Amino acid sequence: MRNEWIKIASLDELNTYFQETPSLVLDIEQDGSTFSVLLIKADGEFHALENRCSHDNAGMETAKLLDGRFLQCPRHGAKFDIHSGNAVSMPAKAPIKKYPLKEEDALLFIQLN
């Protein structure tokens, strides 16, 4: 069902995981579709973005986080703002999807609307 909140994990589990690595790829199934989501923690906040570059559909699993705000595609260097998903440098022109997150009862949830 669209617009439902889907549990990702407990905040404790995620905070432990993110001590070791800057991002996590999640493949989340909803309504018969699989969504590949890149979960990032920057400046103490979680961000969920579509795990593909809008320039050439490359996966962003090994993308670099620059200045705590910009995600740089590993293939051609396109940059995206993690707060909005907007493309901020060429060769990408289109944004990538930014998914809403919420924290509730020490758990993190995502909405794949």
C-alpha atoms as a PDB file:
ATOM      1  CA  MET A   1       0.000   0.000   0.000  1.00  0.00           C
ATOM      2  CA  ARG A   2       1.482   3.353  -1.034  1.00  0.00           C
ATOM      3  CA  ASN A   3       2.091   6.119   1.494  1.00  0.00           C
ATOM      4  CA  GLU A   4       2.533   3.709   4.373  1.00  0.00           C
ATOM      5  CA  TRP A   5       5.488   4.021   6.732  1.00  0.00           C
ATOM      6  CA  ILE A   6       7.832   1.027   6.514  1.00  0.00           C
ATOM      7  CA  LYS A   7      10.152   0.157   9.378  1.00  0.00           C
ATOM      8  CA  ILE A   8      13.831   0.168   8.430  1.00  0.00           C
ATOM      9  CA  ALA A   9      15.520  -0.716  11.732  1.00  0.00           C
ATOM     10  CA  SER A  10      16.046   0.441  15.293  1.00  0.00           C
ATOM     11  CA  LEU A  11      17.978   3.666  15.766  1.00  0.00           C
ATOM     12  CA  ASP A  12      20.447   1.801  18.008  1.00  0.00           C
ATOM     13  CA  GLU A  13      21.218  -0.706  15.222  1.00  0.00           C
ATOM     14  CA  LEU A  14      21.605   2.041  12.647  1.00  0.00           C
ATOM     15  CA  ASN A  15      23.785   4.228  14.848  1.00  0.00           C
ATOM     16  CA  THR A  16      26.075   1.248  15.505  1.00  0.00           C
ATOM     17  CA  TYR A  17      26.228   0.444  11.777  1.00  0.00           C
ATOM     18  CA  PHE A  18      27.009   4.026  10.805  1.00  0.00           C
ATOM     19  CA  GLN A  19      30.020   4.131  13.120  1.00  0.00           C
ATOM     20  CA  GLU A  20      31.724   1.854  10.580  1.00  0.00           C
ATOM     21  CA  THR A  21      30.445   3.126   7.220  1.00  0.00           C
ATOM     22  CA  PRO A  22      28.845   6.286   5.775  1.00  0.00           C
ATOM     23  CA  SER A  23      25.975   4.656   3.874  1.00  0.00           C
ATOM     24  CA  LEU A  24      23.738   1.619   3.637  1.00  0.00           C
ATOM     25  CA  VAL A  25      21.892   0.236   0.597  1.00  0.00           C
ATOM     26  CA  LEU A  26      18.407  -1.079   1.329  1.00  0.00           C
ATOM     27  CA  ASP A  27      16.270  -3.034  -1.121  1.00  0.00           C
ATOM     28  CA  ILE A  28      12.717  -2.507   0.082  1.00  0.00           C
ATOM     29  CA  GLU A  29       9.738  -4.294  -1.449  1.00  0.00           C
ATOM     30  CA  GLN A  30       6.351  -2.628  -1.663  1.00  0.00           C
ATOM     31  CA  ASP A  31       3.337  -3.475  -3.824  1.00  0.00           C
ATOM     32  CA  GLY A  32       5.339  -5.927  -5.938  1.00  0.00           C
ATOM     33  CA  SER A  33       8.108  -3.411  -6.672  1.00  0.00           C
ATOM     34  CA  THR A  34      11.612  -3.272  -5.242  1.00  0.00           C
ATOM     35  CA  PHE A  35      13.042   0.114  -4.324  1.00  0.00           C
ATOM     36  CA  SER A  36      16.805   0.469  -3.981  1.00  0.00           C
ATOM     37  CA  VAL A  37      17.417   3.123  -1.339  1.00  0.00           C
ATOM     38  CA  LEU A  38      20.683   4.664  -0.189  1.00  0.00           C
ATOM     39  CA  LEU A  39      20.512   5.528   3.502  1.00  0.00           C
ATOM     40  CA  ILE A  40      23.053   8.123   4.641  1.00  0.00           C
ATOM     41  CA  LYS A  41      23.819   9.605   8.021  1.00  0.00           C
ATOM     42  CA  ALA A  42      25.306  13.105   7.932  1.00  0.00           C
ATOM     43  CA  ASP A  43      25.641  15.543  10.824  1.00  0.00           C
ATOM     44  CA  GLY A  44      23.558  13.248  13.016  1.00  0.00           C
ATOM     45  CA  GLU A  45      20.616  13.072  10.612  1.00  0.00           C
ATOM     46  CA  PHE A  46      19.452  10.245   8.379  1.00  0.00           C
ATOM     47  CA  HIS A  47      18.699  10.819   4.693  1.00  0.00           C
ATOM     48  CA  ALA A  48      17.178   8.360   2.230  1.00  0.00           C
ATOM     49  CA  LEU A  49      17.767   8.775  -1.491  1.00  0.00           C
ATOM     50  CA  GLU A  50      17.127   6.762  -4.599  1.00  0.00           C
ATOM     51  CA  ASN A  51      20.156   4.529  -5.175  1.00  0.00           C
ATOM     52  CA  ARG A  52      20.821   5.587  -8.753  1.00  0.00           C
ATOM     53  CA  CYS A  53      22.379   8.523 -10.525  1.00  0.00           C
ATOM     54  CA  SER A  54      19.898  10.386 -12.706  1.00  0.00           C
ATOM     55  CA  HIS A  55      22.610  10.860 -15.336  1.00  0.00           C
ATOM     56  CA  ASP A  56      23.232   7.212 -16.251  1.00  0.00           C
ATOM     57  CA  ASN A  57      21.367   5.063 -13.696  1.00  0.00           C
ATOM     58  CA  ALA A  58      24.606   4.021 -11.965  1.00  0.00           C
ATOM     59  CA  GLY A  59      24.296   2.726  -8.403  1.00  0.00           C
ATOM     60  CA  MET A  60      25.422   5.157  -5.712  1.00  0.00           C
ATOM     61  CA  GLU A  61      26.667   2.592  -3.173  1.00  0.00           C
ATOM     62  CA  THR A  62      30.244   3.879  -3.385  1.00  0.00           C
ATOM     63  CA  ALA A  63      29.341   7.557  -3.778  1.00  0.00           C
ATOM     64  CA  LYS A  64      31.346  10.022  -1.698  1.00  0.00           C
ATOM     65  CA  LEU A  65      29.731  12.401   0.759  1.00  0.00           C
ATOM     66  CA  LEU A  66      31.261  15.853   0.307  1.00  0.00           C
ATOM     67  CA  ASP A  67      31.020  18.663   2.860  1.00  0.00           C
ATOM     68  CA  GLY A  68      28.409  16.645   4.768  1.00  0.00           C
ATOM     69  CA  ARG A  69      25.805  17.673   2.181  1.00  0.00           C
ATOM     70  CA  PHE A  70      26.605  16.546  -1.358  1.00  0.00           C
ATOM     71  CA  LEU A  71      26.621  13.009  -2.714  1.00  0.00           C
ATOM     72  CA  GLN A  72      29.063  12.524  -5.601  1.00  0.00           C
ATOM     73  CA  CYS A  73      28.367   9.777  -8.107  1.00  0.00           C
ATOM     74  CA  PRO A  74      31.381   7.467  -8.467  1.00  0.00           C
ATOM     75  CA  ARG A  75      31.027   7.136 -12.255  1.00  0.00           C
ATOM     76  CA  HIS A  76      31.042  10.636 -13.696  1.00  0.00           C
ATOM     77  CA  GLY A  77      31.157  12.922 -10.662  1.00  0.00           C
ATOM     78  CA  ALA A  78      27.618  14.320 -10.717  1.00  0.00           C
ATOM     79  CA  LYS A  79      26.647  15.764  -7.332  1.00  0.00           C
ATOM     80  CA  PHE A  80      23.311  15.720  -5.537  1.00  0.00           C
ATOM     81  CA  ASP A  81      22.126  17.593  -2.456  1.00  0.00           C
ATOM     82  CA  ILE A  82      21.228  14.984   0.187  1.00  0.00           C
ATOM     83  CA  HIS A  83      18.611  17.314   1.711  1.00  0.00           C
ATOM     84  CA  SER A  84      16.575  17.619  -1.485  1.00  0.00           C
ATOM     85  CA  GLY A  85      17.907  15.112  -4.044  1.00  0.00           C
ATOM     86  CA  ASN A  86      18.501  17.987  -6.477  1.00  0.00           C
ATOM     87  CA  ALA A  87      21.343  17.698  -8.979  1.00  0.00           C
ATOM     88  CA  VAL A  88      23.894  20.424  -8.244  1.00  0.00           C
ATOM     89  CA  SER A  89      26.562  19.614 -10.838  1.00  0.00           C
ATOM     90  CA  MET A  90      26.878  18.196 -14.314  1.00  0.00           C
ATOM     91  CA  PRO A  91      26.580  15.810 -15.948  1.00  0.00           C
ATOM     92  CA  ALA A  92      23.362  15.211 -13.989  1.00  0.00           C
ATOM     93  CA  LYS A  93      20.497  17.599 -14.614  1.00  0.00           C
ATOM     94  CA  ALA A  94      17.562  15.778 -13.024  1.00  0.00           C
ATOM     95  CA  PRO A  95      17.147  15.191  -9.283  1.00  0.00           C
ATOM     96  CA  ILE A  96      17.139  11.814  -7.603  1.00  0.00           C
ATOM     97  CA  LYS A  97      14.239  10.807  -5.386  1.00  0.00           C
ATOM     98  CA  LYS A  98      14.439  11.867  -1.743  1.00  0.00           C
ATOM     99  CA  TYR A  99      12.346   9.651   0.527  1.00  0.00           C
ATOM    100  CA  PRO A 100      10.707  10.920   3.731  1.00  0.00           C
ATOM    101  CA  LEU A 101      11.928   9.398   6.977  1.00  0.00           C
ATOM    102  CA  LYS A 102      10.564   9.568  10.494  1.00  0.00           C
ATOM    103  CA  GLU A 103      11.844   8.463  13.865  1.00  0.00           C
ATOM    104  CA  GLU A 104       9.296   6.993  16.236  1.00  0.00           C
ATOM    105  CA  ASP A 105       9.643   4.791  19.323  1.00  0.00           C
ATOM    106  CA  ALA A 106      13.419   4.443  18.735  1.00  0.00           C
ATOM    107  CA  LEU A 107      12.806   3.118  15.195  1.00  0.00           C
ATOM    108  CA  LEU A 108      13.435   4.635  11.766  1.00  0.00           C
ATOM    109  CA  PHE A 109      10.674   4.475   9.138  1.00  0.00           C
ATOM    110  CA  ILE A 110      10.607   5.335   5.435  1.00  0.00           C
ATOM    111  CA  GLN A 111       7.791   6.265   3.088  1.00  0.00           C
ATOM    112  CA  LEU A 112       8.212   5.194  -0.548  1.00  0.00           C
ATOM    113  CA  ASN A 113       5.326   7.301  -1.925  1.00  0.00           C
END
